Amino acid sequence: MSGGTVAHHGSWGNESALRRYLLDDRVAFRHRMVSTLADDPAWSSQTWEQLSHSVDALASGGEYRCHGWELPDDHPARVLGVNTDLVLGADNVLRVV
């Protein structure tokens, strides 16, 4: 199934809702990690920088590579497995890598 497009079912339709979900998740994760490392400014700064790559890609509407485990539990692509490599394209279409 490599390189294929995931069929849309349910209310997801255009994957802009998925992009918003992933963005919210990545922003929250970045905040938790930076807060955890707040006592050490060097670690906190480096963590912010590294985790901002995914936040920036999602926020700008760019391509974002992810794994099945990052999808919401009710997303139809979860049937492909949690270890499936996926890419959410700039066109908001989710594809198997």
PDB file of N, CA and C in Angstrom:
ATOM      1  N   MET A   1       0.823  -1.185   0.000  1.00  0.00           N
ATOM      2  CA  MET A   1       0.000   0.000   0.000  1.00  0.00           C
ATOM      3  C   MET A   1       0.867   1.249   0.000  1.00  0.00           C
ATOM      4  N   SER A   2       2.099   1.111  -0.252  1.00  0.00           N
ATOM      5  CA  SER A   2       3.032   2.232  -0.238  1.00  0.00           C
ATOM      6  C   SER A   2       2.658   3.288  -1.264  1.00  0.00           C
ATOM      7  N   GLY A   3       2.691   4.545  -0.822  1.00  0.00           N
ATOM      8  CA  GLY A   3       2.424   5.647  -1.719  1.00  0.00           C
ATOM      9  C   GLY A   3       0.959   5.912  -1.991  1.00  0.00           C
ATOM     10  N   GLY A   4       0.063   5.128  -1.373  1.00  0.00           N
ATOM     11  CA  GLY A   4      -1.357   5.290  -1.632  1.00  0.00           C
ATOM     12  C   GLY A   4      -1.985   6.390  -0.795  1.00  0.00           C
ATOM     13  N   THR A   5      -3.167   6.777  -1.190  1.00  0.00           N
ATOM     14  CA  THR A   5      -3.951   7.751  -0.436  1.00  0.00           C
ATOM     15  C   THR A   5      -4.910   6.999   0.457  1.00  0.00           C
ATOM     16  N   VAL A   6      -5.037   7.437   1.682  1.00  0.00           N
ATOM     17  CA  VAL A   6      -5.950   6.803   2.618  1.00  0.00           C
ATOM     18  C   VAL A   6      -7.368   7.226   2.281  1.00  0.00           C
ATOM     19  N   ALA A   7      -8.257   6.255   2.153  1.00  0.00           N
ATOM     20  CA  ALA A   7      -9.660   6.565   1.868  1.00  0.00           C
ATOM     21  C   ALA A   7     -10.267   7.316   3.041  1.00  0.00           C
ATOM     22  N   HIS A   8     -11.118   8.275   2.743  1.00  0.00           N
ATOM     23  CA  HIS A   8     -11.765   9.070   3.771  1.00  0.00           C
ATOM     24  C   HIS A   8     -13.108   8.463   4.132  1.00  0.00           C
ATOM     25  N   HIS A   9     -13.350   8.346   5.422  1.00  0.00           N
ATOM     26  CA  HIS A   9     -14.618   7.848   5.934  1.00  0.00           C
ATOM     27  C   HIS A   9     -15.029   8.744   7.089  1.00  0.00           C
ATOM     28  N   GLY A  10     -16.273   8.702   7.447  1.00  0.00           N
ATOM     29  CA  GLY A  10     -16.737   9.469   8.593  1.00  0.00           C
ATOM     30  C   GLY A  10     -16.699  10.958   8.329  1.00  0.00           C
ATOM     31  N   SER A  11     -16.452  11.728   9.377  1.00  0.00           N
ATOM     32  CA  SER A  11     -16.540  13.182   9.277  1.00  0.00           C
ATOM     33  C   SER A  11     -15.216  13.864   8.947  1.00  0.00           C
ATOM     34  N   TRP A  12     -14.174  13.104   8.679  1.00  0.00           N
ATOM     35  CA  TRP A  12     -12.870  13.735   8.445  1.00  0.00           C
ATOM     36  C   TRP A  12     -12.808  14.440   7.100  1.00  0.00           C
ATOM     37  N   GLY A  13     -13.335  13.835   6.052  1.00  0.00           N
ATOM     38  CA  GLY A  13     -13.310  14.470   4.730  1.00  0.00           C
ATOM     39  C   GLY A  13     -11.966  15.077   4.419  1.00  0.00           C
ATOM     40  N   ASN A  14     -11.924  16.380   4.229  1.00  0.00           N
ATOM     41  CA  ASN A  14     -10.674  17.104   4.030  1.00  0.00           C
ATOM     42  C   ASN A  14      -9.875  17.001   5.324  1.00  0.00           C
ATOM     43  N   GLU A  15      -8.595  16.705   5.209  1.00  0.00           N
ATOM     44  CA  GLU A  15      -7.780  16.458   6.390  1.00  0.00           C
ATOM     45  C   GLU A  15      -7.329  17.733   7.107  1.00  0.00           C
ATOM     46  N   SER A  16      -7.999  18.859   6.845  1.00  0.00           N
ATOM     47  CA  SER A  16      -7.666  20.076   7.585  1.00  0.00           C
ATOM     48  C   SER A  16      -7.985  19.893   9.068  1.00  0.00           C
ATOM     49  N   ALA A  17      -9.006  19.100   9.394  1.00  0.00           N
ATOM     50  CA  ALA A  17      -9.314  18.799  10.796  1.00  0.00           C
ATOM     51  C   ALA A  17      -8.187  17.984  11.422  1.00  0.00           C
ATOM     52  N   LEU A  18      -7.621  17.078  10.659  1.00  0.00           N
ATOM     53  CA  LEU A  18      -6.484  16.295  11.150  1.00  0.00           C
ATOM     54  C   LEU A  18      -5.276  17.206  11.358  1.00  0.00           C
ATOM     55  N   ARG A  19      -5.043  18.115  10.426  1.00  0.00           N
ATOM     56  CA  ARG A  19      -3.922  19.056  10.569  1.00  0.00           C
ATOM     57  C   ARG A  19      -4.079  19.853  11.868  1.00  0.00           C
ATOM     58  N   ARG A  20      -5.276  20.345  12.164  1.00  0.00           N
ATOM     59  CA  ARG A  20      -5.541  21.107  13.384  1.00  0.00           C
ATOM     60  C   ARG A  20      -5.300  20.237  14.618  1.00  0.00           C
ATOM     61  N   TYR A  21      -5.767  18.983  14.581  1.00  0.00           N
ATOM     62  CA  TYR A  21      -5.572  18.046  15.684  1.00  0.00           C
ATOM     63  C   TYR A  21      -4.080  17.824  15.949  1.00  0.00           C
ATOM     64  N   LEU A  22      -3.340  17.549  14.877  1.00  0.00           N
ATOM     65  CA  LEU A  22      -1.903  17.299  15.020  1.00  0.00           C
ATOM     66  C   LEU A  22      -1.165  18.543  15.500  1.00  0.00           C
ATOM     67  N   LEU A  23      -1.548  19.702  14.990  1.00  0.00           N
ATOM     68  CA  LEU A  23      -0.926  20.951  15.421  1.00  0.00           C
ATOM     69  C   LEU A  23      -1.177  21.185  16.911  1.00  0.00           C
ATOM     70  N   ASP A  24      -2.406  21.039  17.344  1.00  0.00           N
ATOM     71  CA  ASP A  24      -2.720  21.224  18.765  1.00  0.00           C
ATOM     72  C   ASP A  24      -1.920  20.256  19.630  1.00  0.00           C
ATOM     73  N   ASP A  25      -1.810  19.011  19.174  1.00  0.00           N
ATOM     74  CA  ASP A  25      -1.056  17.996  19.911  1.00  0.00           C
ATOM     75  C   ASP A  25       0.432  18.344  19.983  1.00  0.00           C
ATOM     76  N   ARG A  26       1.011  18.750  18.864  1.00  0.00           N
ATOM     77  CA  ARG A  26       2.440  19.087  18.825  1.00  0.00           C
ATOM     78  C   ARG A  26       2.742  20.335  19.670  1.00  0.00           C
ATOM     79  N   VAL A  27       1.854  21.327  19.647  1.00  0.00           N
ATOM     80  CA  VAL A  27       2.041  22.535  20.467  1.00  0.00           C
ATOM     81  C   VAL A  27       1.990  22.165  21.945  1.00  0.00           C
ATOM     82  N   ALA A  28       1.025  21.350  22.328  1.00  0.00           N
ATOM     83  CA  ALA A  28       0.897  20.928  23.728  1.00  0.00           C
ATOM     84  C   ALA A  28       2.108  20.105  24.164  1.00  0.00           C
ATOM     85  N   PHE A  29       2.563  19.202  23.298  1.00  0.00           N
ATOM     86  CA  PHE A  29       3.734  18.383  23.624  1.00  0.00           C
ATOM     87  C   PHE A  29       4.976  19.251  23.786  1.00  0.00           C
ATOM     88  N   ARG A  30       5.163  20.199  22.887  1.00  0.00           N
ATOM     89  CA  ARG A  30       6.319  21.108  22.986  1.00  0.00           C
ATOM     90  C   ARG A  30       6.266  21.876  24.302  1.00  0.00           C
ATOM     91  N   HIS A  31       5.104  22.366  24.667  1.00  0.00           N
ATOM     92  CA  HIS A  31       4.957  23.104  25.922  1.00  0.00           C
ATOM     93  C   HIS A  31       5.296  22.224  27.130  1.00  0.00           C
ATOM     94  N   ARG A  32       4.776  20.986  27.145  1.00  0.00           N
ATOM     95  CA  ARG A  32       5.074  20.071  28.253  1.00  0.00           C
ATOM     96  C   ARG A  32       6.563  19.790  28.352  1.00  0.00           C
ATOM     97  N   MET A  33       7.197  19.539  27.231  1.00  0.00           N
ATOM     98  CA  MET A  33       8.628  19.203  27.257  1.00  0.00           C
ATOM     99  C   MET A  33       9.470  20.393  27.693  1.00  0.00           C
ATOM    100  N   VAL A  34       9.171  21.577  27.183  1.00  0.00           N
ATOM    101  CA  VAL A  34       9.941  22.763  27.541  1.00  0.00           C
ATOM    102  C   VAL A  34       9.708  23.090  29.018  1.00  0.00           C
ATOM    103  N   SER A  35       8.494  22.938  29.487  1.00  0.00           N
ATOM    104  CA  SER A  35       8.191  23.192  30.898  1.00  0.00           C
ATOM    105  C   SER A  35       8.939  22.217  31.806  1.00  0.00           C
ATOM    106  N   THR A  36       9.030  20.976  31.381  1.00  0.00           N
ATOM    107  CA  THR A  36       9.731  19.957  32.149  1.00  0.00           C
ATOM    108  C   THR A  36      11.213  20.290  32.277  1.00  0.00           C
ATOM    109  N   LEU A  37      11.776  20.874  31.238  1.00  0.00           N
ATOM    110  CA  LEU A  37      13.213  21.171  31.210  1.00  0.00           C
ATOM    111  C   LEU A  37      13.504  22.637  31.531  1.00  0.00           C
ATOM    112  N   ALA A  38      12.533  23.339  32.115  1.00  0.00           N
ATOM    113  CA  ALA A  38      12.656  24.786  32.334  1.00  0.00           C
ATOM    114  C   ALA A  38      13.804  25.168  33.259  1.00  0.00           C
ATOM    115  N   ASP A  39      14.237  24.273  34.126  1.00  0.00           N
ATOM    116  CA  ASP A  39      15.334  24.592  35.048  1.00  0.00           C
ATOM    117  C   ASP A  39      16.671  24.738  34.341  1.00  0.00           C
ATOM    118  N   ASP A  40      16.796  24.183  33.163  1.00  0.00           N
ATOM    119  CA  ASP A  40      18.048  24.258  32.410  1.00  0.00           C
ATOM    120  C   ASP A  40      17.776  24.987  31.094  1.00  0.00           C
ATOM    121  N   PRO A  41      18.101  26.273  31.018  1.00  0.00           N
ATOM    122  CA  PRO A  41      17.795  27.064  29.816  1.00  0.00           C
ATOM    123  C   PRO A  41      18.364  26.479  28.525  1.00  0.00           C
ATOM    124  N   ALA A  42      19.536  25.863  28.591  1.00  0.00           N
ATOM    125  CA  ALA A  42      20.126  25.289  27.377  1.00  0.00           C
ATOM    126  C   ALA A  42      19.257  24.138  26.852  1.00  0.00           C
ATOM    127  N   TRP A  43      18.831  23.249  27.735  1.00  0.00           N
ATOM    128  CA  TRP A  43      17.988  22.130  27.325  1.00  0.00           C
ATOM    129  C   TRP A  43      16.626  22.631  26.869  1.00  0.00           C
ATOM    130  N   SER A  44      16.078  23.580  27.613  1.00  0.00           N
ATOM    131  CA  SER A  44      14.775  24.133  27.273  1.00  0.00           C
ATOM    132  C   SER A  44      14.795  24.770  25.885  1.00  0.00           C
ATOM    133  N   SER A  45      15.811  25.550  25.597  1.00  0.00           N
ATOM    134  CA  SER A  45      15.944  26.221  24.308  1.00  0.00           C
ATOM    135  C   SER A  45      16.126  25.218  23.169  1.00  0.00           C
ATOM    136  N   GLN A  46      16.970  24.232  23.394  1.00  0.00           N
ATOM    137  CA  GLN A  46      17.207  23.227  22.359  1.00  0.00           C
ATOM    138  C   GLN A  46      15.940  22.400  22.100  1.00  0.00           C
ATOM    139  N   THR A  47      15.225  22.090  23.159  1.00  0.00           N
ATOM    140  CA  THR A  47      13.985  21.331  23.014  1.00  0.00           C
ATOM    141  C   THR A  47      12.960  22.126  22.217  1.00  0.00           C
ATOM    142  N   TRP A  48      12.816  23.409  22.551  1.00  0.00           N
ATOM    143  CA  TRP A  48      11.895  24.280  21.812  1.00  0.00           C
ATOM    144  C   TRP A  48      12.248  24.283  20.325  1.00  0.00           C
ATOM    145  N   GLU A  49      13.526  24.454  20.040  1.00  0.00           N
ATOM    146  CA  GLU A  49      13.978  24.522  18.649  1.00  0.00           C
ATOM    147  C   GLU A  49      13.655  23.235  17.896  1.00  0.00           C
ATOM    148  N   GLN A  50      13.976  22.089  18.489  1.00  0.00           N
ATOM    149  CA  GLN A  50      13.760  20.808  17.815  1.00  0.00           C
ATOM    150  C   GLN A  50      12.275  20.507  17.614  1.00  0.00           C
ATOM    151  N   LEU A  51      11.465  20.777  18.638  1.00  0.00           N
ATOM    152  CA  LEU A  51      10.047  20.459  18.547  1.00  0.00           C
ATOM    153  C   LEU A  51       9.273  21.474  17.709  1.00  0.00           C
ATOM    154  N   SER A  52       9.874  22.603  17.434  1.00  0.00           N
ATOM    155  CA  SER A  52       9.215  23.608  16.614  1.00  0.00           C
ATOM    156  C   SER A  52       9.186  23.236  15.134  1.00  0.00           C
ATOM    157  N   HIS A  53      10.040  22.328  14.703  1.00  0.00           N
ATOM    158  CA  HIS A  53      10.034  21.916  13.288  1.00  0.00           C
ATOM    159  C   HIS A  53       8.661  21.358  12.897  1.00  0.00           C
ATOM    160  N   SER A  54       8.130  20.463  13.722  1.00  0.00           N
ATOM    161  CA  SER A  54       6.829  19.873  13.405  1.00  0.00           C
ATOM    162  C   SER A  54       5.702  20.894  13.565  1.00  0.00           C
ATOM    163  N   VAL A  55       5.789  21.726  14.603  1.00  0.00           N
ATOM    164  CA  VAL A  55       4.776  22.761  14.812  1.00  0.00           C
ATOM    165  C   VAL A  55       4.755  23.717  13.617  1.00  0.00           C
ATOM    166  N   ASP A  56       5.920  24.153  13.195  1.00  0.00           N
ATOM    167  CA  ASP A  56       6.012  25.094  12.074  1.00  0.00           C
ATOM    168  C   ASP A  56       5.481  24.490  10.777  1.00  0.00           C
ATOM    169  N   ALA A  57       5.809  23.224  10.524  1.00  0.00           N
ATOM    170  CA  ALA A  57       5.330  22.566   9.296  1.00  0.00           C
ATOM    171  C   ALA A  57       3.807  22.491   9.292  1.00  0.00           C
ATOM    172  N   LEU A  58       3.231  22.109  10.409  1.00  0.00           N
ATOM    173  CA  LEU A  58       1.781  22.008  10.487  1.00  0.00           C
ATOM    174  C   LEU A  58       1.117  23.378  10.417  1.00  0.00           C
ATOM    175  N   ALA A  59       1.662  24.349  11.133  1.00  0.00           N
ATOM    176  CA  ALA A  59       1.065  25.694  11.180  1.00  0.00           C
ATOM    177  C   ALA A  59       1.125  26.389   9.825  1.00  0.00           C
ATOM    178  N   SER A  60       2.179  26.136   9.075  1.00  0.00           N
ATOM    179  CA  SER A  60       2.340  26.801   7.780  1.00  0.00           C
ATOM    180  C   SER A  60       1.605  26.082   6.653  1.00  0.00           C
ATOM    181  N   GLY A  61       1.014  24.927   6.962  1.00  0.00           N
ATOM    182  CA  GLY A  61       0.315  24.168   5.926  1.00  0.00           C
ATOM    183  C   GLY A  61       1.250  23.315   5.102  1.00  0.00           C
ATOM    184  N   GLY A  62       2.461  23.101   5.591  1.00  0.00           N
ATOM    185  CA  GLY A  62       3.439  22.298   4.867  1.00  0.00           C
ATOM    186  C   GLY A  62       3.258  20.811   5.081  1.00  0.00           C
ATOM    187  N   GLU A  63       4.109  20.059   4.426  1.00  0.00           N
ATOM    188  CA  GLU A  63       4.099  18.607   4.551  1.00  0.00           C
ATOM    189  C   GLU A  63       4.523  18.217   5.960  1.00  0.00           C
ATOM    190  N   TYR A  64       3.857  17.207   6.528  1.00  0.00           N
ATOM    191  CA  TYR A  64       4.180  16.721   7.870  1.00  0.00           C
ATOM    192  C   TYR A  64       4.198  15.208   7.858  1.00  0.00           C
ATOM    193  N   ARG A  65       5.332  14.630   8.235  1.00  0.00           N
ATOM    194  CA  ARG A  65       5.464  13.175   8.319  1.00  0.00           C
ATOM    195  C   ARG A  65       5.077  12.735   9.718  1.00  0.00           C
ATOM    196  N   CYS A  66       4.303  11.647   9.782  1.00  0.00           N
ATOM    197  CA  CYS A  66       3.864  11.155  11.081  1.00  0.00           C
ATOM    198  C   CYS A  66       3.733   9.638  11.044  1.00  0.00           C
ATOM    199  N   HIS A  67       3.355   9.094  12.175  1.00  0.00           N
ATOM    200  CA  HIS A  67       3.123   7.660  12.322  1.00  0.00           C
ATOM    201  C   HIS A  67       1.665   7.439  12.696  1.00  0.00           C
ATOM    202  N   GLY A  68       1.177   6.254  12.479  1.00  0.00           N
ATOM    203  CA  GLY A  68      -0.206   5.936  12.785  1.00  0.00           C
ATOM    204  C   GLY A  68      -0.598   6.222  14.219  1.00  0.00           C
ATOM    205  N   TRP A  69       0.332   6.065  15.143  1.00  0.00           N
ATOM    206  CA  TRP A  69       0.002   6.301  16.553  1.00  0.00           C
ATOM    207  C   TRP A  69      -0.281   7.771  16.859  1.00  0.00           C
ATOM    208  N   GLU A  70       0.087   8.683  15.970  1.00  0.00           N
ATOM    209  CA  GLU A  70      -0.203  10.100  16.183  1.00  0.00           C
ATOM    210  C   GLU A  70      -1.628  10.481  15.795  1.00  0.00           C
ATOM    211  N   LEU A  71      -2.296   9.627  15.053  1.00  0.00           N
ATOM    212  CA  LEU A  71      -3.651   9.923  14.595  1.00  0.00           C
ATOM    213  C   LEU A  71      -4.645   9.766  15.742  1.00  0.00           C
ATOM    214  N   PRO A  72      -5.744  10.496  15.681  1.00  0.00           N
ATOM    215  CA  PRO A  72      -6.794  10.298  16.683  1.00  0.00           C
ATOM    216  C   PRO A  72      -7.308   8.859  16.613  1.00  0.00           C
ATOM    217  N   ASP A  73      -7.764   8.347  17.732  1.00  0.00           N
ATOM    218  CA  ASP A  73      -8.234   6.961  17.788  1.00  0.00           C
ATOM    219  C   ASP A  73      -9.323   6.651  16.769  1.00  0.00           C
ATOM    220  N   ASP A  74     -10.152   7.647  16.438  1.00  0.00           N
ATOM    221  CA  ASP A  74     -11.270   7.396  15.526  1.00  0.00           C
ATOM    222  C   ASP A  74     -10.947   7.684  14.061  1.00  0.00           C
ATOM    223  N   HIS A  75      -9.687   7.979  13.769  1.00  0.00           N
ATOM    224  CA  HIS A  75      -9.330   8.259  12.368  1.00  0.00           C
ATOM    225  C   HIS A  75      -9.300   6.950  11.581  1.00  0.00           C
ATOM    226  N   PRO A  76      -9.905   6.928  10.378  1.00  0.00           N
ATOM    227  CA  PRO A  76      -9.966   5.689   9.600  1.00  0.00           C
ATOM    228  C   PRO A  76      -8.605   5.114   9.235  1.00  0.00           C
ATOM    229  N   ALA A  77      -7.577   5.908   9.160  1.00  0.00           N
ATOM    230  CA  ALA A  77      -6.254   5.395   8.806  1.00  0.00           C
ATOM    231  C   ALA A  77      -5.609   4.599   9.935  1.00  0.00           C
ATOM    232  N   ARG A  78      -6.190   4.640  11.135  1.00  0.00           N
ATOM    233  CA  ARG A  78      -5.650   3.858  12.250  1.00  0.00           C
ATOM    234  C   ARG A  78      -5.674   2.363  11.956  1.00  0.00           C
ATOM    235  N   VAL A  79      -6.569   1.924  11.053  1.00  0.00           N
ATOM    236  CA  VAL A  79      -6.635   0.501  10.704  1.00  0.00           C
ATOM    237  C   VAL A  79      -5.350   0.028  10.026  1.00  0.00           C
ATOM    238  N   LEU A  80      -4.551   0.964   9.532  1.00  0.00           N
ATOM    239  CA  LEU A  80      -3.283   0.611   8.882  1.00  0.00           C
ATOM    240  C   LEU A  80      -2.211   0.237   9.895  1.00  0.00           C
ATOM    241  N   GLY A  81      -2.454   0.542  11.163  1.00  0.00           N
ATOM    242  CA  GLY A  81      -1.507   0.198  12.221  1.00  0.00           C
ATOM    243  C   GLY A  81      -0.795   1.412  12.771  1.00  0.00           C
ATOM    244  N   VAL A  82      -0.395   1.297  14.023  1.00  0.00           N
ATOM    245  CA  VAL A  82       0.232   2.428  14.702  1.00  0.00           C
ATOM    246  C   VAL A  82       1.645   2.705  14.206  1.00  0.00           C
ATOM    247  N   ASN A  83       2.285   1.737  13.592  1.00  0.00           N
ATOM    248  CA  ASN A  83       3.659   1.921  13.104  1.00  0.00           C
ATOM    249  C   ASN A  83       3.724   2.314  11.633  1.00  0.00           C
ATOM    250  N   THR A  84       2.593   2.583  11.028  1.00  0.00           N
ATOM    251  CA  THR A  84       2.546   2.981   9.621  1.00  0.00           C
ATOM    252  C   THR A  84       3.118   4.388   9.465  1.00  0.00           C
ATOM    253  N   ASP A  85       3.994   4.560   8.484  1.00  0.00           N
ATOM    254  CA  ASP A  85       4.548   5.881   8.172  1.00  0.00           C
ATOM    255  C   ASP A  85       3.600   6.588   7.211  1.00  0.00           C
ATOM    256  N   LEU A  86       3.251   7.815   7.572  1.00  0.00           N
ATOM    257  CA  LEU A  86       2.293   8.600   6.801  1.00  0.00           C
ATOM    258  C   LEU A  86       2.855   9.984   6.541  1.00  0.00           C
ATOM    259  N   VAL A  87       2.281  10.657   5.570  1.00  0.00           N
ATOM    260  CA  VAL A  87       2.607  12.064   5.343  1.00  0.00           C
ATOM    261  C   VAL A  87       1.300  12.800   5.069  1.00  0.00           C
ATOM    262  N   LEU A  88       1.139  13.898   5.784  1.00  0.00           N
ATOM    263  CA  LEU A  88       0.027  14.803   5.526  1.00  0.00           C
ATOM    264  C   LEU A  88       0.582  15.871   4.608  1.00  0.00           C
ATOM    265  N   GLY A  89       0.135  15.868   3.366  1.00  0.00           N
ATOM    266  CA  GLY A  89       0.678  16.779   2.369  1.00  0.00           C
ATOM    267  C   GLY A  89       0.189  18.201   2.539  1.00  0.00           C
ATOM    268  N   ALA A  90       0.840  19.103   1.841  1.00  0.00           N
ATOM    269  CA  ALA A  90       0.430  20.508   1.836  1.00  0.00           C
ATOM    270  C   ALA A  90      -0.989  20.645   1.283  1.00  0.00           C
ATOM    271  N   ASP A  91      -1.442  19.633   0.550  1.00  0.00           N
ATOM    272  CA  ASP A  91      -2.799  19.610   0.005  1.00  0.00           C
ATOM    273  C   ASP A  91      -3.806  19.027   1.005  1.00  0.00           C
ATOM    274  N   ASN A  92      -3.341  18.752   2.222  1.00  0.00           N
ATOM    275  CA  ASN A  92      -4.161  18.156   3.286  1.00  0.00           C
ATOM    276  C   ASN A  92      -4.686  16.769   2.939  1.00  0.00           C
ATOM    277  N   VAL A  93      -3.941  16.047   2.141  1.00  0.00           N
ATOM    278  CA  VAL A  93      -4.261  14.649   1.840  1.00  0.00           C
ATOM    279  C   VAL A  93      -3.256  13.789   2.607  1.00  0.00           C
ATOM    280  N   LEU A  94      -3.795  12.798   3.333  1.00  0.00           N
ATOM    281  CA  LEU A  94      -2.962  11.885   4.092  1.00  0.00           C
ATOM    282  C   LEU A  94      -2.573  10.720   3.206  1.00  0.00           C
ATOM    283  N   ARG A  95      -1.278  10.435   3.128  1.00  0.00           N
ATOM    284  CA  ARG A  95      -0.778   9.366   2.274  1.00  0.00           C
ATOM    285  C   ARG A  95       0.131   8.432   3.064  1.00  0.00           C
ATOM    286  N   VAL A  96       0.145   7.181   2.650  1.00  0.00           N
ATOM    287  CA  VAL A  96       1.073   6.197   3.208  1.00  0.00           C
ATOM    288  C   VAL A  96       2.408   6.398   2.516  1.00  0.00           C
ATOM    289  N   VAL A  97       3.464   6.418   3.289  1.00  0.00           N
ATOM    290  CA  VAL A  97       4.801   6.608   2.729  1.00  0.00           C
ATOM    291  C   VAL A  97       5.349   5.290   2.232  1.00  0.00           C
TER     292      VAL A  97
END
